[in-house]
Amino acid sequence: MRKLPFLNGIRAFEAAARAESFAKAAGEMNVTPAAISRMVQLLEQRLGVPLFERKANRLVLTAGGRVYQAGLTQIFDQLANLTAQVTAMAGSRVLTVGVGPTFATRWLIPRLADFQKDAPDIEVRFATGGATLPYNDDWTCGIRLGTGDWPDFRSEKLFPADFTPVCAPALAKKLKSPEDLRGVALLRVAHAASEWPQWFKAAGLSKVRAAGPEFEYYGQALQAAADGVGAAIGISPYVDDDVKAGRLVAPYALSVSKGEHWYLIWRDSRKDEAAFRTFRNWIVGAAKR
């Protein structure tokens, strides 16, 4: 247990020491000068250290009083700043989202205009997030792929992460069965090397190896697929808009689950921020559409 001294006395002493007057401290704390004097006396008794020399017309700090006042004023300033910071959070209209670049460009940003119609006064900022980067406490919230088990975070499920091959419409016309992929450049993502083998296994294909160009991000591979370079693994919701628009085609009905979902995640301390509450309500609704 933290052992704290007489807090009313500390406030009275710090105000009197700063103002060099019981009367001025009384005005600041909205009590009488006698009350300030009494609280300081009680504090001195509990500390066992004199804090003031009482002169006829003024107060003079003792050596102990000077040390105590210097530390207390700094602490009270820090407390005031912290309180102002926390109070401002409730009305904050700035939203910082930590999100991976592909999720941002292929799902979130295309819907940003809809969010801003609902909340035009919220300033949205994007920070580079994703599963491989640490969460920054300056963020309001993040979007992350996983199982929902992140210590010290709260989370809300948005989408399942299922994947299937996708390609340009011209190539899709040539892909009648999974066997036809044997003669196609199969585009790879460096951090998701297991996805082609998983899909091959689910499709019953053996001795097939993805040997096409390798990219750092899903978005790069999907752009290459749309440009006719080859077939890529398309993970939801990255490819949903392109498939609906006909820019990409999913030639096979077979999808494989990653066993993970996309989640909105946040620190509990952020839950009451106005901007976060608005964004959370919006993105949960948008994920269902």
Protein backbone atom coordinates (compact mmCIF):
# COMPACT_ATOMS: atom_id res chain seq x y z
CA MET A 1 0.00 0.00 0.00
CA ARG A 2 1.20 3.49 -0.88
CA LYS A 3 1.46 5.55 2.32
CA LEU A 4 0.32 9.10 1.58
CA PRO A 5 0.60 11.96 4.07
CA PHE A 6 -2.09 14.49 5.01
CA LEU A 7 -3.23 15.58 1.51
CA ASN A 8 -5.30 18.61 2.57
CA GLY A 9 -2.35 19.83 4.59
CA ILE A 10 -0.02 19.30 1.63
CA ARG A 11 -2.27 21.36 -0.63
CA ALA A 12 -2.48 24.11 1.98
CA PHE A 13 1.27 24.13 2.54
CA GLU A 14 2.15 24.18 -1.18
CA ALA A 15 -0.26 27.04 -1.87
CA ALA A 16 1.00 29.05 1.13
CA ALA A 17 4.65 28.40 0.26
CA ARG A 18 4.12 29.44 -3.35
CA ALA A 19 2.18 32.57 -2.40
CA GLU A 20 4.25 33.26 0.75
CA SER A 21 0.99 33.99 2.52
CA PHE A 22 -1.73 32.09 4.39
CA ALA A 23 -4.25 34.70 3.24
CA LYS A 24 -3.45 34.28 -0.47
CA ALA A 25 -3.48 30.49 -0.10
CA ALA A 26 -6.88 30.77 1.58
CA GLY A 27 -8.23 32.70 -1.40
CA GLU A 28 -6.87 30.07 -3.80
CA MET A 29 -8.41 27.20 -1.86
CA ASN A 30 -11.61 29.07 -0.92
CA VAL A 31 -11.17 28.62 2.84
CA THR A 32 -10.19 30.95 5.68
CA PRO A 33 -6.57 31.89 6.51
CA ALA A 34 -7.08 30.23 9.90
CA ALA A 35 -8.03 26.98 8.18
CA ILE A 36 -4.86 27.12 6.07
CA SER A 37 -2.75 27.77 9.15
CA ARG A 38 -4.35 24.90 11.02
CA MET A 39 -3.88 22.42 8.15
CA VAL A 40 -0.22 23.38 7.82
CA GLN A 41 0.29 22.92 11.58
CA LEU A 42 -1.28 19.47 11.41
CA LEU A 43 0.98 18.56 8.50
CA GLU A 44 4.07 19.73 10.40
CA GLN A 45 3.02 17.65 13.40
CA ARG A 46 2.55 14.53 11.28
CA LEU A 47 5.83 15.02 9.45
CA GLY A 48 7.71 15.96 12.61
CA VAL A 49 9.43 18.72 10.64
CA PRO A 50 8.81 22.50 10.80
CA LEU A 51 8.04 23.88 7.33
CA PHE A 52 7.66 27.60 8.06
CA GLU A 53 9.21 30.18 10.33
CA ARG A 54 6.29 32.43 11.29
CA LYS A 55 7.54 36.04 11.09
CA ALA A 56 5.47 39.05 12.08
CA ASN A 57 4.37 39.98 8.57
CA ARG A 58 5.45 37.08 6.38
CA LEU A 59 6.17 33.39 6.11
CA VAL A 60 9.72 32.08 5.68
CA LEU A 61 10.33 28.52 4.55
CA THR A 62 12.67 26.36 6.61
CA ALA A 63 15.28 24.24 4.83
CA GLY A 64 12.91 21.28 4.98
CA GLY A 65 10.05 23.47 3.75
CA ARG A 66 12.05 24.61 0.69
CA VAL A 67 12.83 21.02 -0.30
CA TYR A 68 9.23 19.93 0.24
CA GLN A 69 7.73 22.89 -1.64
CA ALA A 70 10.01 22.48 -4.68
CA GLY A 71 9.04 18.82 -5.07
CA LEU A 72 5.35 19.36 -4.37
CA THR A 73 4.94 22.19 -6.88
CA GLN A 74 6.44 20.00 -9.59
CA ILE A 75 4.17 17.10 -8.63
CA PHE A 76 1.05 19.31 -8.63
CA ASP A 77 2.00 20.75 -12.03
CA GLN A 78 2.39 17.24 -13.41
CA LEU A 79 -0.92 16.21 -11.87
CA ALA A 80 -2.67 19.21 -13.41
CA ASN A 81 -1.20 18.44 -16.84
CA LEU A 82 -2.15 14.77 -16.57
CA THR A 83 -5.68 15.65 -15.52
CA ALA A 84 -6.05 18.03 -18.45
CA GLN A 85 -4.76 15.36 -20.82
CA VAL A 86 -7.20 12.72 -19.56
CA THR A 87 -10.11 15.15 -19.51
CA ALA A 88 -9.40 16.15 -23.11
CA MET A 89 -9.49 12.51 -24.20
CA ALA A 90 -13.23 12.30 -23.58
CA GLY A 91 -13.89 15.00 -26.14
CA SER A 92 -11.03 14.20 -28.50
CA ARG A 93 -11.89 14.49 -32.18
CA VAL A 94 -8.59 13.06 -33.43
CA LEU A 95 -8.54 9.37 -34.40
CA THR A 96 -5.25 7.56 -35.02
CA VAL A 97 -5.63 4.05 -36.45
CA GLY A 98 -2.73 1.61 -36.55
CA VAL A 99 -3.38 -0.52 -39.62
CA GLY A 100 -1.41 -2.58 -42.13
CA PRO A 101 -0.82 -0.90 -45.51
CA THR A 102 -2.79 -3.45 -47.53
CA PHE A 103 -5.84 -3.36 -45.25
CA ALA A 104 -5.73 0.43 -45.32
CA THR A 105 -5.48 0.80 -49.10
CA ARG A 106 -7.77 -2.07 -50.13
CA TRP A 107 -10.59 -1.79 -47.59
CA LEU A 108 -10.43 1.08 -45.11
CA ILE A 109 -9.44 4.04 -47.29
CA PRO A 110 -12.05 3.28 -49.99
CA ARG A 111 -14.68 3.61 -47.22
CA LEU A 112 -13.15 6.64 -45.54
CA ALA A 113 -15.46 9.05 -47.34
CA ASP A 114 -18.46 7.23 -45.86
CA PHE A 115 -17.02 7.57 -42.38
CA GLN A 116 -16.33 11.27 -42.87
CA LYS A 117 -19.93 11.82 -43.98
CA ASP A 118 -20.99 10.42 -40.61
CA ALA A 119 -18.30 12.24 -38.63
CA PRO A 120 -16.93 15.22 -40.60
CA ASP A 121 -15.41 16.79 -37.48
CA ILE A 122 -13.12 13.85 -36.69
CA GLU A 123 -9.55 14.16 -37.93
CA VAL A 124 -8.41 10.70 -39.09
CA ARG A 125 -4.74 9.74 -39.04
CA PHE A 126 -3.29 6.45 -40.27
CA ALA A 127 -0.20 4.88 -38.74
CA THR A 128 1.59 1.83 -40.11
CA GLY A 129 0.41 -1.12 -38.04
CA GLY A 130 -0.19 -4.77 -38.81
CA ALA A 131 0.60 -8.09 -37.21
CA THR A 132 4.37 -7.78 -37.43
CA LEU A 133 4.71 -4.34 -35.80
CA PRO A 134 4.32 -3.40 -32.13
CA TYR A 135 1.24 -1.49 -31.02
CA ASN A 136 1.96 2.18 -30.35
CA ASP A 137 0.23 3.64 -27.29
CA ASP A 138 -0.25 6.92 -29.17
CA TRP A 139 -2.78 5.17 -31.41
CA THR A 140 -6.47 5.43 -30.64
CA CYS A 141 -7.02 1.88 -31.89
CA GLY A 142 -5.66 -0.69 -34.33
CA ILE A 143 -6.80 -3.31 -36.81
CA ARG A 144 -5.06 -6.63 -36.50
CA LEU A 145 -5.27 -10.18 -37.83
CA GLY A 146 -5.23 -12.92 -35.22
CA THR A 147 -7.23 -15.01 -32.80
CA GLY A 148 -8.41 -12.14 -30.61
CA ASP A 149 -6.05 -13.05 -27.78
CA TRP A 150 -3.95 -9.95 -27.08
CA PRO A 151 -3.08 -9.32 -23.42
CA ASP A 152 -3.95 -5.83 -22.19
CA PHE A 153 -6.23 -5.14 -25.17
CA ARG A 154 -9.93 -5.27 -25.82
CA SER A 155 -11.03 -6.46 -29.23
CA GLU A 156 -14.05 -6.75 -31.49
CA LYS A 157 -14.26 -9.21 -34.39
CA LEU A 158 -14.71 -7.66 -37.84
CA PHE A 159 -14.14 -10.24 -40.62
CA PRO A 160 -13.09 -13.86 -41.09
CA ALA A 161 -9.82 -14.26 -42.98
CA ASP A 162 -10.51 -16.73 -45.81
CA PHE A 163 -8.40 -17.06 -48.92
CA THR A 164 -8.68 -18.34 -52.49
CA PRO A 165 -6.79 -17.79 -55.76
CA VAL A 166 -7.66 -14.66 -57.75
CA CYS A 167 -6.52 -13.38 -61.12
CA ALA A 168 -7.37 -11.04 -63.98
CA PRO A 169 -10.55 -11.86 -65.96
CA ALA A 170 -8.60 -12.89 -69.08
CA LEU A 171 -6.60 -15.49 -67.13
CA ALA A 172 -9.68 -16.71 -65.26
CA LYS A 173 -11.24 -17.83 -68.55
CA LYS A 174 -8.42 -20.35 -68.91
CA LEU A 175 -8.76 -21.80 -65.41
CA LYS A 176 -11.43 -24.47 -65.59
CA SER A 177 -10.10 -26.67 -62.77
CA PRO A 178 -7.43 -26.34 -60.08
CA GLU A 179 -5.13 -28.48 -62.24
CA ASP A 180 -4.89 -25.60 -64.70
CA LEU A 181 -2.85 -23.63 -62.13
CA ARG A 182 0.16 -25.85 -62.90
CA GLY A 183 1.02 -23.74 -65.91
CA VAL A 184 0.40 -20.33 -64.33
CA ALA A 185 2.75 -17.93 -62.54
CA LEU A 186 1.68 -18.17 -58.91
CA LEU A 187 2.38 -14.91 -57.09
CA ARG A 188 3.65 -15.18 -53.52
CA VAL A 189 3.66 -12.99 -50.42
CA ALA A 190 6.84 -13.28 -48.35
CA HIS A 191 5.20 -13.45 -44.91
CA ALA A 192 2.41 -15.81 -46.04
CA ALA A 193 4.38 -18.63 -47.63
CA SER A 194 2.05 -21.34 -46.32
CA GLU A 195 -1.11 -20.16 -48.07
CA TRP A 196 -0.57 -21.64 -51.53
CA PRO A 197 0.39 -25.05 -50.05
CA GLN A 198 -2.71 -24.93 -47.80
CA TRP A 199 -4.98 -24.21 -50.73
CA PHE A 200 -3.33 -26.90 -52.89
CA LYS A 201 -3.90 -29.44 -50.12
CA ALA A 202 -7.57 -28.45 -49.73
CA ALA A 203 -8.02 -28.69 -53.53
CA GLY A 204 -6.39 -32.12 -53.64
CA LEU A 205 -3.43 -30.96 -55.73
CA SER A 206 -0.11 -32.68 -55.21
CA LYS A 207 3.39 -31.84 -56.36
CA VAL A 208 2.48 -28.25 -57.17
CA ARG A 209 4.79 -25.48 -56.04
CA ALA A 210 4.19 -21.74 -56.17
CA ALA A 211 7.21 -20.41 -58.00
CA GLY A 212 6.14 -17.03 -59.32
CA PRO A 213 7.37 -13.57 -58.26
CA GLU A 214 7.45 -12.87 -54.52
CA PHE A 215 6.16 -9.63 -52.98
CA GLU A 216 6.46 -8.05 -49.53
CA TYR A 217 2.77 -7.17 -49.20
CA TYR A 218 -0.52 -8.68 -50.31
CA GLY A 219 -1.44 -5.43 -52.05
CA GLN A 220 1.54 -5.70 -54.38
CA ALA A 221 0.72 -9.28 -55.31
CA LEU A 222 -2.93 -8.43 -55.92
CA GLN A 223 -2.00 -5.51 -58.15
CA ALA A 224 0.27 -7.80 -60.16
CA ALA A 225 -2.59 -10.29 -60.49
CA ALA A 226 -4.95 -7.57 -61.71
CA ASP A 227 -2.31 -6.59 -64.29
CA GLY A 228 -2.21 -10.13 -65.65
CA VAL A 229 1.14 -11.23 -64.21
CA GLY A 230 -0.34 -14.39 -62.70
CA ALA A 231 -2.65 -15.70 -59.99
CA ALA A 232 -2.37 -14.55 -56.38
CA ILE A 233 -3.84 -15.71 -53.13
CA GLY A 234 -6.69 -13.34 -52.34
CA ILE A 235 -7.55 -12.94 -48.67
CA SER A 236 -10.79 -11.36 -47.50
CA PRO A 237 -11.52 -8.52 -47.23
CA TYR A 238 -8.55 -7.40 -49.36
CA VAL A 239 -10.08 -8.70 -52.59
CA ASP A 240 -13.79 -8.21 -51.93
CA ASP A 241 -14.14 -4.87 -53.71
CA ASP A 242 -12.04 -5.93 -56.70
CA VAL A 243 -14.01 -9.14 -57.14
CA LYS A 244 -17.33 -7.27 -56.94
CA ALA A 245 -16.08 -4.74 -59.49
CA GLY A 246 -14.75 -7.44 -61.83
CA ARG A 247 -11.13 -6.27 -61.66
CA LEU A 248 -10.23 -9.63 -60.17
CA VAL A 249 -11.94 -12.99 -60.52
CA ALA A 250 -11.98 -15.88 -58.05
CA PRO A 251 -12.14 -18.81 -60.53
CA TYR A 252 -12.76 -21.49 -57.91
CA ALA A 253 -15.44 -21.79 -55.25
CA LEU A 254 -13.00 -23.29 -52.76
CA SER A 255 -11.91 -20.96 -49.97
CA VAL A 256 -9.65 -21.90 -47.07
CA SER A 257 -9.81 -20.35 -43.63
CA LYS A 258 -6.65 -18.98 -42.06
CA GLY A 259 -8.16 -19.83 -38.68
CA GLU A 260 -7.97 -16.14 -37.80
CA HIS A 261 -10.13 -13.03 -38.00
CA TRP A 262 -9.62 -9.32 -38.43
CA TYR A 263 -10.20 -7.45 -35.18
CA LEU A 264 -10.53 -3.88 -34.04
CA ILE A 265 -8.31 -3.60 -30.95
CA TRP A 266 -7.87 -0.86 -28.36
CA ARG A 267 -6.60 -0.12 -24.88
CA ASP A 268 -9.30 0.04 -22.22
CA SER A 269 -8.23 3.60 -21.39
CA ARG A 270 -9.38 4.69 -24.87
CA LYS A 271 -12.88 3.23 -24.79
CA ASP A 272 -14.65 6.44 -23.74
CA GLU A 273 -12.99 8.76 -26.26
CA ALA A 274 -15.63 10.36 -28.46
CA ALA A 275 -13.71 9.77 -31.71
CA PHE A 276 -13.12 6.12 -30.87
CA ARG A 277 -16.75 5.45 -29.97
CA THR A 278 -17.86 6.95 -33.29
CA PHE A 279 -15.29 5.00 -35.30
CA ARG A 280 -16.03 1.73 -33.53
CA ASN A 281 -19.75 2.00 -34.25
CA TRP A 282 -19.05 2.84 -37.88
CA ILE A 283 -16.48 0.13 -38.66
CA VAL A 284 -18.49 -2.64 -37.01
CA GLY A 285 -21.46 -1.65 -39.16
CA ALA A 286 -19.34 -1.33 -42.30
CA ALA A 287 -17.84 -4.79 -41.75
CA LYS A 288 -21.33 -6.31 -41.84
CA ARG A 289 -22.28 -4.70 -45.15
